[in-house]
Amino acid sequence: MAARANITIDQGSTFSTYLVLTDSSGIVIDLTGYTVYSQIRKWYTSSTATTFDISIANATTGTVLLSLTANATANLAAGKYVYDVESHDTANQIARIIEGSITVTPEVTRI
């Protein structure tokens, strides 16, 4: 079962956050040799998605960096979304590590 973490993103702003990925027992996942992926969708069944820029910041501590450019967040309508982070190991075993909701708060200033 994936861990849950909810995120707030300010529309039109550069976004980044570090996540530490753990297994169901709370033990940090060593991401050495893994690839990670993450997407945002309006609903679980949505056919369109925004893909997070995601990188492994520290493999041995299970730390990943999720980020979006200001242009990418400006293209997200204000409201609620869902996301998850999946890991793929060298044998292409896929696991959903973390999931949750995203709240995009509306931008007022536009330049």
N, C-alpha and C. Protein backbone atom coordinates (compact mmCIF):
# COMPACT_ATOMS: atom_id res chain seq x y z
N MET A 1 0.84 -1.18 0.00
CA MET A 1 0.00 0.00 0.00
C MET A 1 0.89 1.24 0.00
N ALA A 2 0.58 2.18 -0.87
CA ALA A 2 1.36 3.40 -1.00
C ALA A 2 1.11 4.35 0.17
N ALA A 3 2.15 5.09 0.53
CA ALA A 3 2.01 6.14 1.54
C ALA A 3 1.22 7.30 0.93
N ARG A 4 0.65 8.14 1.78
CA ARG A 4 -0.12 9.30 1.30
C ARG A 4 0.59 10.59 1.69
N ALA A 5 0.60 11.51 0.75
CA ALA A 5 1.11 12.86 1.02
C ALA A 5 0.35 13.82 0.12
N ASN A 6 -0.27 14.82 0.72
CA ASN A 6 -1.01 15.81 -0.04
C ASN A 6 -0.12 17.03 -0.27
N ILE A 7 -0.30 17.67 -1.43
CA ILE A 7 0.57 18.76 -1.86
C ILE A 7 -0.29 19.96 -2.25
N THR A 8 0.23 21.17 -1.98
CA THR A 8 -0.38 22.40 -2.46
C THR A 8 0.59 23.06 -3.42
N ILE A 9 0.08 23.47 -4.59
CA ILE A 9 0.89 24.13 -5.61
C ILE A 9 0.26 25.49 -5.89
N ASP A 10 1.09 26.54 -5.91
CA ASP A 10 0.62 27.88 -6.26
C ASP A 10 0.67 28.02 -7.77
N GLN A 11 -0.48 28.22 -8.38
CA GLN A 11 -0.59 28.37 -9.83
C GLN A 11 0.33 29.51 -10.30
N GLY A 12 1.09 29.27 -11.37
CA GLY A 12 1.95 30.29 -11.94
C GLY A 12 3.29 30.45 -11.26
N SER A 13 3.57 29.65 -10.23
CA SER A 13 4.83 29.72 -9.50
C SER A 13 5.67 28.48 -9.76
N THR A 14 6.97 28.63 -9.68
CA THR A 14 7.86 27.48 -9.75
C THR A 14 7.60 26.63 -8.52
N PHE A 15 7.50 25.31 -8.71
CA PHE A 15 7.19 24.40 -7.61
C PHE A 15 8.29 23.34 -7.50
N SER A 16 8.69 23.05 -6.28
CA SER A 16 9.56 21.89 -6.03
C SER A 16 9.39 21.43 -4.59
N THR A 17 9.50 20.13 -4.42
CA THR A 17 9.44 19.55 -3.08
C THR A 17 10.23 18.25 -3.07
N TYR A 18 10.84 17.97 -1.95
CA TYR A 18 11.55 16.71 -1.76
C TYR A 18 10.62 15.74 -1.04
N LEU A 19 10.63 14.49 -1.47
CA LEU A 19 9.88 13.43 -0.82
C LEU A 19 10.84 12.31 -0.47
N VAL A 20 10.69 11.76 0.72
CA VAL A 20 11.46 10.58 1.12
C VAL A 20 10.54 9.38 0.98
N LEU A 21 10.93 8.44 0.12
CA LEU A 21 10.09 7.29 -0.18
C LEU A 21 10.39 6.16 0.78
N THR A 22 9.33 5.61 1.39
CA THR A 22 9.47 4.52 2.35
C THR A 22 8.54 3.38 1.96
N ASP A 23 8.84 2.18 2.44
CA ASP A 23 7.95 1.05 2.20
C ASP A 23 6.82 1.06 3.22
N SER A 24 5.96 0.05 3.17
CA SER A 24 4.78 0.02 4.05
C SER A 24 5.15 -0.08 5.53
N SER A 25 6.39 -0.46 5.83
CA SER A 25 6.86 -0.52 7.22
C SER A 25 7.53 0.77 7.66
N GLY A 26 7.60 1.74 6.76
CA GLY A 26 8.24 3.01 7.10
C GLY A 26 9.74 3.00 6.89
N ILE A 27 10.28 1.94 6.29
CA ILE A 27 11.72 1.85 6.04
C ILE A 27 12.03 2.54 4.72
N VAL A 28 13.07 3.37 4.73
CA VAL A 28 13.48 4.11 3.54
C VAL A 28 13.83 3.13 2.42
N ILE A 29 13.37 3.44 1.21
CA ILE A 29 13.66 2.62 0.04
C ILE A 29 14.95 3.10 -0.60
N ASP A 30 15.94 2.22 -0.71
CA ASP A 30 17.18 2.55 -1.41
C ASP A 30 16.86 2.53 -2.90
N LEU A 31 16.98 3.67 -3.54
CA LEU A 31 16.59 3.82 -4.94
C LEU A 31 17.75 3.62 -5.91
N THR A 32 18.84 3.06 -5.44
CA THR A 32 19.98 2.79 -6.32
C THR A 32 19.53 1.86 -7.44
N GLY A 33 19.72 2.29 -8.69
CA GLY A 33 19.33 1.50 -9.84
C GLY A 33 17.87 1.64 -10.23
N TYR A 34 17.11 2.45 -9.53
CA TYR A 34 15.69 2.64 -9.83
C TYR A 34 15.49 3.84 -10.74
N THR A 35 14.35 3.86 -11.39
CA THR A 35 13.85 5.02 -12.11
C THR A 35 12.51 5.37 -11.48
N VAL A 36 12.22 6.65 -11.37
CA VAL A 36 10.96 7.07 -10.76
C VAL A 36 10.18 7.95 -11.73
N TYR A 37 8.85 7.86 -11.63
CA TYR A 37 7.94 8.59 -12.49
C TYR A 37 6.81 9.16 -11.65
N SER A 38 6.24 10.28 -12.11
CA SER A 38 5.13 10.88 -11.37
C SER A 38 4.29 11.73 -12.32
N GLN A 39 2.96 11.62 -12.17
CA GLN A 39 2.03 12.40 -12.98
C GLN A 39 0.92 12.98 -12.10
N ILE A 40 0.36 14.08 -12.62
CA ILE A 40 -0.80 14.74 -12.02
C ILE A 40 -1.96 14.56 -13.00
N ARG A 41 -3.13 14.21 -12.47
CA ARG A 41 -4.34 14.13 -13.30
C ARG A 41 -5.49 14.76 -12.52
N LYS A 42 -6.46 15.28 -13.26
CA LYS A 42 -7.63 15.87 -12.62
C LYS A 42 -8.41 14.80 -11.85
N TRP A 43 -8.57 13.64 -12.47
CA TRP A 43 -9.19 12.48 -11.84
C TRP A 43 -8.34 11.27 -12.17
N TYR A 44 -8.50 10.21 -11.43
CA TYR A 44 -7.74 8.98 -11.70
C TYR A 44 -7.97 8.48 -13.12
N THR A 45 -9.16 8.71 -13.66
CA THR A 45 -9.52 8.20 -14.99
C THR A 45 -9.24 9.18 -16.12
N SER A 46 -8.69 10.35 -15.83
CA SER A 46 -8.41 11.35 -16.86
C SER A 46 -7.42 10.82 -17.89
N SER A 47 -7.67 11.15 -19.16
CA SER A 47 -6.75 10.71 -20.21
C SER A 47 -5.58 11.67 -20.38
N THR A 48 -5.69 12.88 -19.87
CA THR A 48 -4.59 13.84 -19.96
C THR A 48 -3.90 13.96 -18.61
N ALA A 49 -2.60 14.22 -18.68
CA ALA A 49 -1.81 14.30 -17.45
C ALA A 49 -0.72 15.36 -17.60
N THR A 50 -0.29 15.88 -16.48
CA THR A 50 0.91 16.71 -16.41
C THR A 50 1.96 15.85 -15.72
N THR A 51 3.13 15.76 -16.34
CA THR A 51 4.20 14.94 -15.79
C THR A 51 5.12 15.81 -14.95
N PHE A 52 5.35 15.40 -13.71
CA PHE A 52 6.32 16.09 -12.87
C PHE A 52 7.71 15.88 -13.44
N ASP A 53 8.57 16.90 -13.33
CA ASP A 53 10.00 16.69 -13.48
C ASP A 53 10.40 16.00 -12.18
N ILE A 54 10.97 14.82 -12.28
CA ILE A 54 11.31 14.06 -11.07
C ILE A 54 12.71 13.50 -11.21
N SER A 55 13.47 13.61 -10.13
CA SER A 55 14.82 13.07 -10.13
C SER A 55 15.10 12.46 -8.77
N ILE A 56 16.02 11.52 -8.76
CA ILE A 56 16.45 10.93 -7.49
C ILE A 56 17.54 11.84 -6.93
N ALA A 57 17.21 12.51 -5.84
CA ALA A 57 18.14 13.46 -5.22
C ALA A 57 19.20 12.73 -4.40
N ASN A 58 18.82 11.65 -3.73
CA ASN A 58 19.75 10.84 -2.95
C ASN A 58 19.20 9.42 -2.92
N ALA A 59 19.82 8.53 -3.68
CA ALA A 59 19.30 7.16 -3.81
C ALA A 59 19.29 6.41 -2.49
N THR A 60 20.35 6.53 -1.70
CA THR A 60 20.43 5.72 -0.48
C THR A 60 19.47 6.18 0.61
N THR A 61 19.05 7.46 0.56
CA THR A 61 18.08 7.93 1.56
C THR A 61 16.66 7.95 0.99
N GLY A 62 16.48 7.44 -0.25
CA GLY A 62 15.15 7.36 -0.85
C GLY A 62 14.53 8.70 -1.15
N THR A 63 15.36 9.71 -1.38
CA THR A 63 14.87 11.07 -1.57
C THR A 63 14.74 11.40 -3.06
N VAL A 64 13.54 11.87 -3.44
CA VAL A 64 13.30 12.32 -4.81
C VAL A 64 12.90 13.78 -4.78
N LEU A 65 13.15 14.45 -5.90
CA LEU A 65 12.76 15.85 -6.07
C LEU A 65 11.69 15.91 -7.13
N LEU A 66 10.51 16.41 -6.75
CA LEU A 66 9.43 16.68 -7.69
C LEU A 66 9.43 18.16 -8.00
N SER A 67 9.30 18.52 -9.28
CA SER A 67 9.26 19.94 -9.60
C SER A 67 8.44 20.20 -10.85
N LEU A 68 7.99 21.43 -10.97
CA LEU A 68 7.27 21.94 -12.13
C LEU A 68 7.72 23.37 -12.38
N THR A 69 7.82 23.75 -13.64
CA THR A 69 8.16 25.13 -13.97
C THR A 69 6.96 26.03 -13.70
N ALA A 70 7.22 27.32 -13.67
CA ALA A 70 6.12 28.29 -13.50
C ALA A 70 5.13 28.18 -14.65
N ASN A 71 5.62 27.94 -15.87
CA ASN A 71 4.72 27.78 -17.02
C ASN A 71 3.83 26.56 -16.85
N ALA A 72 4.41 25.47 -16.34
CA ALA A 72 3.62 24.24 -16.14
C ALA A 72 2.53 24.45 -15.10
N THR A 73 2.85 25.14 -14.00
CA THR A 73 1.81 25.35 -12.97
C THR A 73 0.78 26.36 -13.44
N ALA A 74 1.18 27.31 -14.31
CA ALA A 74 0.21 28.28 -14.85
C ALA A 74 -0.81 27.57 -15.74
N ASN A 75 -0.42 26.46 -16.34
CA ASN A 75 -1.32 25.71 -17.21
C ASN A 75 -2.26 24.77 -16.45
N LEU A 76 -2.08 24.66 -15.13
CA LEU A 76 -2.99 23.86 -14.31
C LEU A 76 -4.12 24.76 -13.83
N ALA A 77 -5.35 24.38 -14.10
CA ALA A 77 -6.48 25.14 -13.59
C ALA A 77 -6.52 25.01 -12.07
N ALA A 78 -6.92 26.05 -11.39
CA ALA A 78 -7.05 25.99 -9.94
C ALA A 78 -8.03 24.89 -9.58
N GLY A 79 -7.75 24.17 -8.50
CA GLY A 79 -8.65 23.11 -8.06
C GLY A 79 -7.90 21.90 -7.54
N LYS A 80 -8.63 20.80 -7.45
CA LYS A 80 -8.10 19.54 -6.89
C LYS A 80 -7.64 18.60 -8.00
N TYR A 81 -6.56 17.88 -7.72
CA TYR A 81 -5.99 16.88 -8.63
C TYR A 81 -5.54 15.68 -7.80
N VAL A 82 -5.12 14.63 -8.48
CA VAL A 82 -4.51 13.47 -7.84
C VAL A 82 -3.15 13.25 -8.48
N TYR A 83 -2.26 12.58 -7.73
CA TYR A 83 -0.94 12.26 -8.26
C TYR A 83 -0.44 10.98 -7.60
N ASP A 84 0.59 10.42 -8.18
CA ASP A 84 1.32 9.35 -7.50
C ASP A 84 2.76 9.35 -7.98
N VAL A 85 3.59 8.60 -7.27
CA VAL A 85 4.99 8.38 -7.64
C VAL A 85 5.20 6.88 -7.72
N GLU A 86 5.73 6.43 -8.86
CA GLU A 86 6.02 5.01 -9.05
C GLU A 86 7.51 4.81 -9.20
N SER A 87 7.99 3.68 -8.69
CA SER A 87 9.39 3.30 -8.87
C SER A 87 9.45 2.08 -9.78
N HIS A 88 10.47 2.06 -10.61
CA HIS A 88 10.73 0.93 -11.52
C HIS A 88 12.15 0.47 -11.23
N ASP A 89 12.32 -0.82 -10.85
CA ASP A 89 13.65 -1.32 -10.57
C ASP A 89 14.29 -1.89 -11.83
N THR A 90 15.49 -2.44 -11.70
CA THR A 90 16.23 -2.94 -12.86
C THR A 90 15.55 -4.15 -13.51
N ALA A 91 14.70 -4.86 -12.79
CA ALA A 91 13.94 -5.99 -13.35
C ALA A 91 12.58 -5.53 -13.87
N ASN A 92 12.39 -4.19 -13.92
CA ASN A 92 11.14 -3.55 -14.34
C ASN A 92 9.95 -3.94 -13.46
N GLN A 93 10.23 -4.18 -12.18
CA GLN A 93 9.16 -4.33 -11.20
C GLN A 93 8.69 -2.93 -10.85
N ILE A 94 7.38 -2.72 -10.91
CA ILE A 94 6.81 -1.39 -10.71
C ILE A 94 6.05 -1.36 -9.39
N ALA A 95 6.28 -0.29 -8.62
CA ALA A 95 5.58 -0.14 -7.35
C ALA A 95 5.11 1.31 -7.20
N ARG A 96 3.88 1.48 -6.75
CA ARG A 96 3.40 2.81 -6.40
C ARG A 96 3.86 3.06 -4.97
N ILE A 97 4.67 4.08 -4.80
CA ILE A 97 5.30 4.35 -3.50
C ILE A 97 4.52 5.38 -2.70
N ILE A 98 4.05 6.40 -3.38
CA ILE A 98 3.35 7.47 -2.68
C ILE A 98 2.24 8.00 -3.58
N GLU A 99 1.15 8.45 -2.96
CA GLU A 99 0.02 8.99 -3.71
C GLU A 99 -0.66 10.03 -2.86
N GLY A 100 -1.49 10.83 -3.49
CA GLY A 100 -2.23 11.82 -2.72
C GLY A 100 -2.98 12.78 -3.61
N SER A 101 -3.44 13.85 -2.98
CA SER A 101 -4.15 14.88 -3.72
C SER A 101 -3.28 16.12 -3.82
N ILE A 102 -3.56 16.90 -4.83
CA ILE A 102 -2.89 18.18 -5.04
C ILE A 102 -3.96 19.25 -5.10
N THR A 103 -3.73 20.33 -4.38
CA THR A 103 -4.58 21.50 -4.48
C THR A 103 -3.78 22.58 -5.19
N VAL A 104 -4.29 23.06 -6.32
CA VAL A 104 -3.67 24.16 -7.04
C VAL A 104 -4.42 25.43 -6.66
N THR A 105 -3.72 26.35 -6.01
CA THR A 105 -4.35 27.60 -5.58
C THR A 105 -4.26 28.61 -6.73
N PRO A 106 -5.30 29.43 -6.94
CA PRO A 106 -5.33 30.31 -8.11
C PRO A 106 -4.34 31.47 -8.02
N GLU A 107 -3.79 31.80 -9.17
CA GLU A 107 -2.87 32.93 -9.31
C GLU A 107 -3.67 34.21 -9.53
N VAL A 108 -3.25 35.29 -8.93
CA VAL A 108 -3.90 36.58 -9.14
C VAL A 108 -3.06 37.44 -10.09
N THR A 109 -1.77 37.55 -9.80
CA THR A 109 -0.88 38.39 -10.60
C THR A 109 -0.45 37.65 -11.86
N ARG A 110 -0.64 38.29 -13.01
CA ARG A 110 -0.22 37.72 -14.29
C ARG A 110 0.57 38.78 -15.04
N ILE A 111 1.78 38.40 -15.45
CA ILE A 111 2.64 39.36 -16.15
C ILE A 111 2.78 38.93 -17.60
